[in-house]
Protein backbone atom coordinates (compact mmCIF):
# COMPACT_ATOMS: atom_id res chain seq x y z
CA MET A 1 119.28 105.00 -46.59
CA ILE A 2 122.60 106.32 -47.42
CA GLN A 3 120.87 108.67 -50.36
CA ARG A 4 119.19 110.09 -47.61
CA ARG A 5 122.23 110.74 -45.80
CA GLN A 6 124.15 112.47 -48.87
CA LYS A 7 121.05 114.49 -49.26
CA SER A 8 121.66 115.50 -45.55
CA LEU A 9 125.01 116.23 -45.95
CA GLU A 10 124.31 118.39 -49.21
CA LEU A 11 121.73 120.39 -47.04
CA LEU A 12 124.44 120.97 -44.09
CA ALA A 13 127.16 121.82 -46.94
CA LYS A 14 124.50 124.49 -47.94
CA LEU A 15 123.85 126.06 -44.48
CA ALA A 16 127.61 126.11 -44.11
CA GLU A 17 127.51 127.79 -47.32
CA GLN A 18 125.29 130.45 -45.72
CA LYS A 19 127.06 130.75 -42.76
CA GLU A 20 130.23 131.95 -44.60
CA LYS A 21 128.11 134.53 -46.66
CA VAL A 22 126.49 136.05 -43.55
CA ALA A 23 130.00 135.73 -41.85
CA LEU A 24 131.24 137.74 -44.99
CA HIS A 25 128.54 140.09 -44.86
CA LYS A 26 129.15 141.01 -41.15
CA LEU A 27 132.95 141.28 -42.03
CA VAL A 28 131.95 144.39 -44.76
CA GLU A 29 129.93 145.60 -42.30
CA VAL A 30 132.57 145.92 -39.92
CA GLN A 31 135.09 147.66 -42.30
CA LYS A 32 132.54 150.05 -42.69
CA ALA A 33 132.41 150.90 -39.27
CA HIS A 34 135.86 151.04 -39.58
CA GLU A 35 136.39 153.33 -42.54
CA ARG A 36 133.32 155.81 -40.82
CA LEU A 37 135.17 155.92 -37.37
CA ALA A 38 138.70 156.67 -39.11
CA GLU A 39 136.59 159.67 -40.86
CA LYS A 40 134.79 160.92 -37.90
CA SER A 41 138.64 160.31 -36.05
CA ARG A 42 139.84 162.61 -38.88
CA GLN A 43 137.50 165.44 -38.44
CA VAL A 44 137.94 165.69 -34.98
CA ALA A 45 141.45 165.98 -35.44
CA ASP A 46 140.88 168.78 -37.84
CA LEU A 47 138.86 170.52 -35.65
CA MET A 48 140.93 170.20 -32.74
CA ASN A 49 144.01 171.46 -34.79
CA ASP A 50 141.90 174.33 -36.02
CA TYR A 51 140.87 175.65 -32.22
CA ARG A 52 144.56 175.00 -30.77
CA ALA A 53 145.56 177.56 -33.82
CA GLN A 54 142.51 179.71 -32.75
CA LEU A 55 143.75 179.33 -28.94
CA THR A 56 147.17 180.63 -29.95
CA HIS A 57 145.75 183.36 -31.99
CA ILE A 58 143.62 184.96 -29.61
CA GLY A 59 146.54 187.10 -28.28
CA GLU A 60 147.39 188.67 -24.95
CA ASP A 61 144.46 189.51 -23.27
CA PRO A 62 141.68 187.76 -25.19
CA GLY A 63 138.82 187.80 -23.02
CA MET A 64 137.77 185.27 -20.24
CA VAL A 65 134.63 184.41 -22.40
CA LYS A 66 136.30 183.63 -25.54
CA THR A 67 139.10 181.42 -24.04
CA GLN A 68 136.68 179.63 -21.78
CA ALA A 69 134.75 178.85 -24.86
CA VAL A 70 137.84 177.44 -26.86
CA HIS A 71 138.90 175.43 -23.88
CA ARG A 72 135.22 173.98 -23.47
CA TYR A 73 134.82 173.22 -27.20
CA ILE A 74 138.74 171.54 -26.81
CA ARG A 75 137.52 169.53 -23.91
CA ASN A 76 134.65 168.26 -25.90
CA LEU A 77 136.83 167.74 -28.57
CA LEU A 78 139.03 165.09 -26.31
CA ASP A 79 135.79 163.98 -25.09
CA ALA A 80 134.87 163.02 -28.41
CA GLN A 81 138.17 161.37 -29.50
CA GLU A 82 138.33 159.41 -26.66
CA ARG A 83 134.39 158.29 -27.01
CA LEU A 84 135.73 157.57 -30.69
CA ARG A 85 138.76 155.56 -29.31
CA MET A 86 136.10 153.23 -26.88
CA GLU A 87 134.12 152.68 -30.50
CA HIS A 88 137.24 152.05 -32.54
CA ASP A 89 138.24 149.06 -29.59
CA LYS A 90 134.47 147.64 -30.16
CA THR A 91 134.60 147.49 -33.84
CA VAL A 92 138.49 145.79 -33.53
CA ALA A 93 137.16 143.02 -31.31
CA TRP A 94 133.65 142.77 -33.50
CA GLU A 95 136.15 142.31 -36.31
CA ARG A 96 137.94 139.41 -34.21
CA ALA A 97 134.37 137.75 -33.69
CA VAL A 98 133.18 138.33 -37.19
CA ARG A 99 136.46 136.55 -38.48
CA GLU A 100 136.62 133.76 -36.07
CA GLU A 101 132.83 133.11 -37.40
CA LEU A 102 134.31 133.76 -40.68
CA MET A 103 136.91 130.71 -40.19
CA ASN A 104 134.61 128.41 -38.49
CA ALA A 105 132.11 128.78 -41.07
CA ARG A 106 134.67 127.80 -43.45
CA LEU A 107 136.13 125.20 -41.80
CA GLU A 108 132.43 123.90 -41.58
CA LEU A 109 131.54 123.93 -45.29
CA GLN A 110 135.05 122.43 -46.27
CA ARG A 111 133.87 119.55 -43.78
CA MET A 112 130.53 119.43 -45.17
CA ARG A 113 131.69 118.97 -48.92
CA SER A 114 134.52 116.37 -47.75
CA LEU A 115 131.62 114.10 -46.13
CA ALA A 116 129.39 114.74 -48.78
CA GLU A 117 132.23 114.28 -51.87
CA ARG A 118 132.91 110.73 -49.34
CA GLY A 119 129.09 110.21 -49.69
CA GLU A 120 129.26 110.52 -53.24
CA ALA A 121 132.23 108.35 -53.66
CA LYS A 122 130.49 105.60 -51.44
CA ILE A 123 127.35 105.28 -53.22
CA ALA A 124 129.57 105.45 -56.75
CA ALA A 125 131.31 102.07 -55.15
CA LEU A 126 128.03 100.72 -54.14
CA ALA A 127 126.43 100.89 -57.40
CA GLU A 128 129.41 99.60 -59.33
CA LYS A 129 129.81 96.34 -56.78
CA SER A 130 126.10 96.06 -57.54
CA GLU A 131 126.11 96.33 -61.13
CA GLN A 132 129.25 93.69 -61.07
CA ILE A 133 126.82 91.66 -59.46
CA ARG A 134 124.32 91.68 -61.59
CA MET A 135 126.76 91.34 -64.34
CA ASP A 136 128.13 88.33 -63.05
CA ALA A 137 124.87 86.94 -62.56
CA VAL A 138 123.84 87.46 -66.21
CA ALA A 139 127.07 85.80 -66.88
CA LEU A 140 126.92 82.72 -64.82
CA SER A 141 123.30 82.49 -65.88
CA GLN A 142 124.21 82.67 -70.10
CA PHE A 143 127.05 79.67 -68.84
CA ASN A 144 124.33 77.62 -67.10
CA GLN A 145 122.55 78.00 -70.24
CA ARG A 146 125.43 76.80 -72.70
CA THR A 147 126.37 73.82 -71.07
CA PRO A 148 124.73 71.00 -71.54
CA LYS A 149 122.83 68.94 -68.75
CA PRO A 150 123.92 65.91 -68.17
CA ALA A 151 121.69 63.00 -68.77
CA HIS A 152 120.27 61.12 -65.87
CA ARG A 153 120.99 57.32 -66.13
CA ALA A 154 118.22 55.36 -64.78
């Protein structure tokens, strides 16, 4: 019974380890997403700076079509920046959830390992007690064999 319980605890500990690995993998994915968003944000900011510089260099009489095109492109870049901010907010929330999942997995793993260790200690204590009982029985048997039995008087 105890050994079956011990095997169950070991299995639960392995499952907790797997949950921890999955959470760590998700955390790596989140960090990669943050890096991709940061790179895209830098690219959009660079494009924005380039077009703003073009807007200032257009001159006194730039022409309506070119000015409108530059303004439209800047509006599109601003929209892209807003979408990137929203995506960043989502990944921050995702990261928070993954970190919580990782923390819970680590706590569960620690708890399962602790239970497994206590189970192993209990099995060892029972084995030691069983061995002691067996040794006591052997010693008692040897003692009884060495002691002369009293003769019966009739």
